[in-house]
Structures are given as C-alpha cells and as structure tokens.
PDB file of N, CA and C in Angstrom:
ATOM      1  N   MET A   1      23.308  13.219  20.767  1.00  0.00           N
ATOM      2  CA  MET A   1      23.457  11.817  20.496  1.00  0.00           C
ATOM      3  C   MET A   1      22.723  11.444  19.195  1.00  0.00           C
ATOM      4  N   ALA A   2      21.586  12.084  18.983  1.00  0.00           N
ATOM      5  CA  ALA A   2      20.853  11.806  17.748  1.00  0.00           C
ATOM      6  C   ALA A   2      21.672  12.229  16.530  1.00  0.00           C
ATOM      7  N   HIS A   3      22.350  13.362  16.637  1.00  0.00           N
ATOM      8  CA  HIS A   3      23.196  13.853  15.545  1.00  0.00           C
ATOM      9  C   HIS A   3      24.323  12.849  15.259  1.00  0.00           C
ATOM     10  N   ILE A   4      24.941  12.366  16.319  1.00  0.00           N
ATOM     11  CA  ILE A   4      26.032  11.389  16.176  1.00  0.00           C
ATOM     12  C   ILE A   4      25.515  10.138  15.480  1.00  0.00           C
ATOM     13  N   GLU A   5      24.364   9.667  15.906  1.00  0.00           N
ATOM     14  CA  GLU A   5      23.785   8.455  15.304  1.00  0.00           C
ATOM     15  C   GLU A   5      23.370   8.706  13.856  1.00  0.00           C
ATOM     16  N   HIS A   6      22.685   9.800  13.607  1.00  0.00           N
ATOM     17  CA  HIS A   6      22.168  10.084  12.265  1.00  0.00           C
ATOM     18  C   HIS A   6      23.287  10.219  11.233  1.00  0.00           C
ATOM     19  N   PHE A   7      24.377  10.883  11.609  1.00  0.00           N
ATOM     20  CA  PHE A   7      25.471  11.111  10.664  1.00  0.00           C
ATOM     21  C   PHE A   7      26.607  10.099  10.808  1.00  0.00           C
ATOM     22  N   ASN A   8      26.357   9.051  11.595  1.00  0.00           N
ATOM     23  CA  ASN A   8      27.332   7.966  11.769  1.00  0.00           C
ATOM     24  C   ASN A   8      28.709   8.506  12.180  1.00  0.00           C
ATOM     25  N   ILE A   9      28.688   9.358  13.196  1.00  0.00           N
ATOM     26  CA  ILE A   9      29.919   9.964  13.706  1.00  0.00           C
ATOM     27  C   ILE A   9      30.443   9.106  14.853  1.00  0.00           C
ATOM     28  N   LYS A  10      31.748   8.946  14.905  1.00  0.00           N
ATOM     29  CA  LYS A  10      32.363   8.181  15.977  1.00  0.00           C
ATOM     30  C   LYS A  10      32.115   8.883  17.317  1.00  0.00           C
ATOM     31  N   LEU A  11      31.765   8.114  18.337  1.00  0.00           N
ATOM     32  CA  LEU A  11      31.503   8.667  19.657  1.00  0.00           C
ATOM     33  C   LEU A  11      32.761   9.332  20.201  1.00  0.00           C
ATOM     34  N   PRO A  12      32.678  10.600  20.629  1.00  0.00           N
ATOM     35  CA  PRO A  12      33.851  11.282  21.183  1.00  0.00           C
ATOM     36  C   PRO A  12      34.400  10.516  22.392  1.00  0.00           C
ATOM     37  N   PRO A  13      35.717  10.477  22.554  1.00  0.00           N
ATOM     38  CA  PRO A  13      36.309   9.682  23.630  1.00  0.00           C
ATOM     39  C   PRO A  13      35.919  10.121  25.036  1.00  0.00           C
ATOM     40  N   LEU A  14      35.505  11.367  25.222  1.00  0.00           N
ATOM     41  CA  LEU A  14      35.167  11.815  26.570  1.00  0.00           C
ATOM     42  C   LEU A  14      34.019  11.029  27.178  1.00  0.00           C
ATOM     43  N   TYR A  15      33.183  10.427  26.346  1.00  0.00           N
ATOM     44  CA  TYR A  15      32.081   9.637  26.877  1.00  0.00           C
ATOM     45  C   TYR A  15      32.556   8.347  27.535  1.00  0.00           C
ATOM     46  N   LYS A  16      33.774   7.922  27.253  1.00  0.00           N
ATOM     47  CA  LYS A  16      34.326   6.720  27.873  1.00  0.00           C
ATOM     48  C   LYS A  16      35.091   7.043  29.148  1.00  0.00           C
ATOM     49  N   TRP A  17      35.281   8.327  29.450  1.00  0.00           N
ATOM     50  CA  TRP A  17      35.967   8.745  30.671  1.00  0.00           C
ATOM     51  C   TRP A  17      35.037   8.541  31.864  1.00  0.00           C
ATOM     52  N   ALA A  18      35.581   8.616  33.056  1.00  0.00           N
ATOM     53  CA  ALA A  18      34.772   8.510  34.273  1.00  0.00           C
ATOM     54  C   ALA A  18      33.636   9.528  34.223  1.00  0.00           C
ATOM     55  N   ASN A  19      32.431   9.073  34.438  1.00  0.00           N
ATOM     56  CA  ASN A  19      31.222   9.920  34.407  1.00  0.00           C
ATOM     57  C   ASN A  19      31.035  10.642  33.076  1.00  0.00           C
ATOM     58  N   GLY A  20      31.580  10.109  32.010  1.00  0.00           N
ATOM     59  CA  GLY A  20      31.521  10.767  30.708  1.00  0.00           C
ATOM     60  C   GLY A  20      30.125  11.098  30.229  1.00  0.00           C
ATOM     61  N   PHE A  21      29.181  10.188  30.428  1.00  0.00           N
ATOM     62  CA  PHE A  21      27.825  10.456  29.969  1.00  0.00           C
ATOM     63  C   PHE A  21      27.104  11.449  30.871  1.00  0.00           C
ATOM     64  N   GLN A  22      27.479  11.523  32.152  1.00  0.00           N
ATOM     65  CA  GLN A  22      26.871  12.507  33.042  1.00  0.00           C
ATOM     66  C   GLN A  22      27.450  13.892  32.801  1.00  0.00           C
ATOM     67  N   VAL A  23      28.746  13.980  32.602  1.00  0.00           N
ATOM     68  CA  VAL A  23      29.413  15.269  32.437  1.00  0.00           C
ATOM     69  C   VAL A  23      29.297  15.738  30.992  1.00  0.00           C
ATOM     70  N   GLY A  24      29.378  14.807  30.056  1.00  0.00           N
ATOM     71  CA  GLY A  24      29.231  15.130  28.645  1.00  0.00           C
ATOM     72  C   GLY A  24      30.251  16.129  28.150  1.00  0.00           C
ATOM     73  N   THR A  25      29.791  17.107  27.426  1.00  0.00           N
ATOM     74  CA  THR A  25      30.704  18.053  26.795  1.00  0.00           C
ATOM     75  C   THR A  25      30.830  19.354  27.574  1.00  0.00           C
ATOM     76  N   GLY A  26      30.502  19.331  28.841  1.00  0.00           N
ATOM     77  CA  GLY A  26      30.635  20.532  29.669  1.00  0.00           C
ATOM     78  C   GLY A  26      32.098  20.863  29.926  1.00  0.00           C
ATOM     79  N   PRO A  27      32.355  21.941  30.671  1.00  0.00           N
ATOM     80  CA  PRO A  27      33.733  22.329  30.965  1.00  0.00           C
ATOM     81  C   PRO A  27      34.475  21.211  31.702  1.00  0.00           C
ATOM     82  N   TRP A  28      35.707  20.934  31.318  1.00  0.00           N
ATOM     83  CA  TRP A  28      36.442  19.813  31.903  1.00  0.00           C
ATOM     84  C   TRP A  28      36.621  19.965  33.398  1.00  0.00           C
ATOM     85  N   ALA A  29      36.689  21.182  33.884  1.00  0.00           N
ATOM     86  CA  ALA A  29      36.904  21.379  35.325  1.00  0.00           C
ATOM     87  C   ALA A  29      35.630  21.201  36.145  1.00  0.00           C
ATOM     88  N   ALA A  30      34.493  21.177  35.516  1.00  0.00           N
ATOM     89  CA  ALA A  30      33.220  21.028  36.228  1.00  0.00           C
ATOM     90  C   ALA A  30      32.797  19.567  36.224  1.00  0.00           C
ATOM     91  N   ARG A  31      33.443  18.776  37.032  1.00  0.00           N
ATOM     92  CA  ARG A  31      33.165  17.344  37.095  1.00  0.00           C
ATOM     93  C   ARG A  31      32.026  17.102  38.071  1.00  0.00           C
ATOM     94  N   GLU A  32      30.800  17.128  37.568  1.00  0.00           N
ATOM     95  CA  GLU A  32      29.622  16.905  38.401  1.00  0.00           C
ATOM     96  C   GLU A  32      29.582  15.463  38.899  1.00  0.00           C
ATOM     97  N   HIS A  33      28.803  15.243  39.927  1.00  0.00           N
ATOM     98  CA  HIS A  33      28.548  13.904  40.466  1.00  0.00           C
ATOM     99  C   HIS A  33      29.780  13.273  41.105  1.00  0.00           C
ATOM    100  N   THR A  34      30.754  14.072  41.490  1.00  0.00           N
ATOM    101  CA  THR A  34      31.951  13.506  42.107  1.00  0.00           C
ATOM    102  C   THR A  34      31.894  13.582  43.629  1.00  0.00           C
ATOM    103  N   GLY A  35      31.094  14.472  44.170  1.00  0.00           N
ATOM    104  CA  GLY A  35      30.964  14.601  45.606  1.00  0.00           C
ATOM    105  C   GLY A  35      31.894  15.621  46.238  1.00  0.00           C
ATOM    106  N   SER A  36      32.993  15.951  45.570  1.00  0.00           N
ATOM    107  CA  SER A  36      33.915  16.949  46.114  1.00  0.00           C
ATOM    108  C   SER A  36      34.821  17.472  45.005  1.00  0.00           C
ATOM    109  N   ILE A  37      35.412  18.616  45.256  1.00  0.00           N
ATOM    110  CA  ILE A  37      36.356  19.200  44.291  1.00  0.00           C
ATOM    111  C   ILE A  37      37.555  18.276  44.126  1.00  0.00           C
ATOM    112  N   GLN A  38      38.041  17.742  45.246  1.00  0.00           N
ATOM    113  CA  GLN A  38      39.215  16.869  45.182  1.00  0.00           C
ATOM    114  C   GLN A  38      38.925  15.604  44.378  1.00  0.00           C
ATOM    115  N   LYS A  39      37.736  15.033  44.536  1.00  0.00           N
ATOM    116  CA  LYS A  39      37.360  13.845  43.756  1.00  0.00           C
ATOM    117  C   LYS A  39      37.256  14.206  42.270  1.00  0.00           C
ATOM    118  N   GLY A  40      36.792  15.415  41.984  1.00  0.00           N
ATOM    119  CA  GLY A  40      36.737  15.879  40.592  1.00  0.00           C
ATOM    120  C   GLY A  40      38.130  15.953  39.985  1.00  0.00           C
ATOM    121  N   TRP A  41      39.084  16.512  40.740  1.00  0.00           N
ATOM    122  CA  TRP A  41      40.462  16.559  40.241  1.00  0.00           C
ATOM    123  C   TRP A  41      41.028  15.154  40.069  1.00  0.00           C
ATOM    124  N   GLU A  42      40.651  14.243  40.967  1.00  0.00           N
ATOM    125  CA  GLU A  42      41.120  12.864  40.835  1.00  0.00           C
ATOM    126  C   GLU A  42      40.641  12.245  39.522  1.00  0.00           C
ATOM    127  N   GLU A  43      39.372  12.495  39.176  1.00  0.00           N
ATOM    128  CA  GLU A  43      38.857  11.983  37.899  1.00  0.00           C
ATOM    129  C   GLU A  43      39.624  12.574  36.724  1.00  0.00           C
ATOM    130  N   VAL A  44      39.831  13.892  36.751  1.00  0.00           N
ATOM    131  CA  VAL A  44      40.563  14.539  35.661  1.00  0.00           C
ATOM    132  C   VAL A  44      41.985  13.989  35.589  1.00  0.00           C
ATOM    133  N   TYR A  45      42.622  13.800  36.738  1.00  0.00           N
ATOM    134  CA  TYR A  45      43.984  13.258  36.773  1.00  0.00           C
ATOM    135  C   TYR A  45      44.036  11.855  36.180  1.00  0.00           C
ATOM    136  N   ASN A  46      43.031  11.046  36.487  1.00  0.00           N
ATOM    137  CA  ASN A  46      42.992   9.689  35.930  1.00  0.00           C
ATOM    138  C   ASN A  46      42.751   9.682  34.424  1.00  0.00           C
ATOM    139  N   ILE A  47      42.072  10.705  33.927  1.00  0.00           N
ATOM    140  CA  ILE A  47      41.843  10.827  32.486  1.00  0.00           C
ATOM    141  C   ILE A  47      43.116  11.287  31.793  1.00  0.00           C
ATOM    142  N   ASN A  48      43.727  12.357  32.343  1.00  0.00           N
ATOM    143  CA  ASN A  48      44.934  12.915  31.728  1.00  0.00           C
ATOM    144  C   ASN A  48      45.694  13.733  32.771  1.00  0.00           C
ATOM    145  N   PRO A  49      46.717  13.149  33.403  1.00  0.00           N
ATOM    146  CA  PRO A  49      47.451  13.847  34.462  1.00  0.00           C
ATOM    147  C   PRO A  49      48.005  15.205  34.052  1.00  0.00           C
ATOM    148  N   SER A  50      48.362  15.361  32.796  1.00  0.00           N
ATOM    149  CA  SER A  50      48.967  16.626  32.374  1.00  0.00           C
ATOM    150  C   SER A  50      48.002  17.800  32.511  1.00  0.00           C
ATOM    151  N   ILE A  51      46.709  17.544  32.440  1.00  0.00           N
ATOM    152  CA  ILE A  51      45.725  18.623  32.613  1.00  0.00           C
ATOM    153  C   ILE A  51      45.842  19.204  34.017  1.00  0.00           C
ATOM    154  N   VAL A  52      45.892  18.322  35.005  1.00  0.00           N
ATOM    155  CA  VAL A  52      45.991  18.774  36.395  1.00  0.00           C
ATOM    156  C   VAL A  52      47.352  19.427  36.631  1.00  0.00           C
ATOM    157  N   GLU A  53      48.390  18.849  36.087  1.00  0.00           N
ATOM    158  CA  GLU A  53      49.737  19.399  36.262  1.00  0.00           C
ATOM    159  C   GLU A  53      49.840  20.806  35.693  1.00  0.00           C
ATOM    160  N   ARG A  54      49.172  21.070  34.582  1.00  0.00           N
ATOM    161  CA  ARG A  54      49.174  22.423  34.011  1.00  0.00           C
ATOM    162  C   ARG A  54      48.265  23.357  34.797  1.00  0.00           C
ATOM    163  N   ALA A  55      47.153  22.818  35.309  1.00  0.00           N
ATOM    164  CA  ALA A  55      46.191  23.638  36.044  1.00  0.00           C
ATOM    165  C   ALA A  55      46.753  24.154  37.361  1.00  0.00           C
ATOM    166  N   VAL A  56      47.726  23.428  37.915  1.00  0.00           N
ATOM    167  CA  VAL A  56      48.331  23.812  39.197  1.00  0.00           C
ATOM    168  C   VAL A  56      48.808  25.256  39.188  1.00  0.00           C
ATOM    169  N   ARG A  57      49.284  25.723  38.048  1.00  0.00           N
ATOM    170  CA  ARG A  57      49.809  27.093  37.950  1.00  0.00           C
ATOM    171  C   ARG A  57      48.723  28.149  38.090  1.00  0.00           C
ATOM    172  N   HIS A  58      47.458  27.751  37.906  1.00  0.00           N
ATOM    173  CA  HIS A  58      46.375  28.734  37.855  1.00  0.00           C
ATOM    174  C   HIS A  58      45.229  28.469  38.830  1.00  0.00           C
ATOM    175  N   ILE A  59      45.098  27.226  39.288  1.00  0.00           N
ATOM    176  CA  ILE A  59      43.931  26.852  40.098  1.00  0.00           C
ATOM    177  C   ILE A  59      44.397  26.229  41.409  1.00  0.00           C
ATOM    178  N   THR A  60      44.078  26.892  42.502  1.00  0.00           N
ATOM    179  CA  THR A  60      44.532  26.466  43.827  1.00  0.00           C
ATOM    180  C   THR A  60      44.072  25.051  44.174  1.00  0.00           C
ATOM    181  N   SER A  61      42.846  24.700  43.842  1.00  0.00           N
ATOM    182  CA  SER A  61      42.341  23.372  44.202  1.00  0.00           C
ATOM    183  C   SER A  61      43.081  22.260  43.461  1.00  0.00           C
ATOM    184  N   ALA A  62      43.594  22.542  42.280  1.00  0.00           N
ATOM    185  CA  ALA A  62      44.407  21.548  41.555  1.00  0.00           C
ATOM    186  C   ALA A  62      45.723  21.334  42.287  1.00  0.00           C
ATOM    187  N   ALA A  63      46.324  22.420  42.746  1.00  0.00           N
ATOM    188  CA  ALA A  63      47.574  22.313  43.506  1.00  0.00           C
ATOM    189  C   ALA A  63      47.350  21.541  44.798  1.00  0.00           C
ATOM    190  N   LYS A  64      46.238  21.805  45.466  1.00  0.00           N
ATOM    191  CA  LYS A  64      45.921  21.101  46.710  1.00  0.00           C
ATOM    192  C   LYS A  64      45.742  19.607  46.440  1.00  0.00           C
ATOM    193  N   PHE A  65      45.057  19.269  45.341  1.00  0.00           N
ATOM    194  CA  PHE A  65      44.878  17.857  44.994  1.00  0.00           C
ATOM    195  C   PHE A  65      46.219  17.166  44.820  1.00  0.00           C
ATOM    196  N   LEU A  66      47.103  17.765  44.010  1.00  0.00           N
ATOM    197  CA  LEU A  66      48.411  17.130  43.772  1.00  0.00           C
ATOM    198  C   LEU A  66      49.226  17.006  45.054  1.00  0.00           C
ATOM    199  N   GLU A  67      49.152  18.016  45.894  1.00  0.00           N
ATOM    200  CA  GLU A  67      49.878  17.989  47.160  1.00  0.00           C
ATOM    201  C   GLU A  67      49.368  16.862  48.072  1.00  0.00           C
ATOM    202  N   ASN A  68      48.059  16.690  48.118  1.00  0.00           N
ATOM    203  CA  ASN A  68      47.461  15.662  48.967  1.00  0.00           C
ATOM    204  C   ASN A  68      47.619  14.253  48.401  1.00  0.00           C
ATOM    205  N   SER A  69      47.877  14.121  47.125  1.00  0.00           N
ATOM    206  CA  SER A  69      47.970  12.782  46.536  1.00  0.00           C
ATOM    207  C   SER A  69      49.384  12.235  46.526  1.00  0.00           C
ATOM    208  N   LYS A  70      50.337  12.986  47.077  1.00  0.00           N
ATOM    209  CA  LYS A  70      51.730  12.499  47.133  1.00  0.00           C
ATOM    210  C   LYS A  70      51.940  11.677  48.365  1.00  0.00           C
TER     211      LYS A  70
END
C-alpha cells in the first residue's frame, strides 16, 4: 500500500471486491474469511462468473457450487 501511495498508482480493482482488503493479492481461489469453500466460490462468482464456469472443468468444489446454486 505504501508503494501504491508513494508512486501514485491507481488502486487495483481487486481491493473493491468482496473481502478485497483481507484477501489482497493472494491466489483467487483462496478466499479467506468466507467460512466455507462454497461461500468462497460464491464470492468469486459474484466478482466474475466466468472464473467459476471455467474452473468447473478442473476443480470439483467449483462444480459442486454451480450445481447447488441452480
């Protein structure tokens, strides 16, 4: 944050996402502070549904989330 302020860099958009300041620049799939894997996928889906839709091919919990949200 000091670097961003010192060099007058625009704040990356991920900080405006759900829990953006808590999760920060960590891996997108590691949504801390959500309470469950399914809640983490819900946050990612609300940020960008296409991420979850693509993840379904590789990550079982993403497929389970989409199946349960229909």
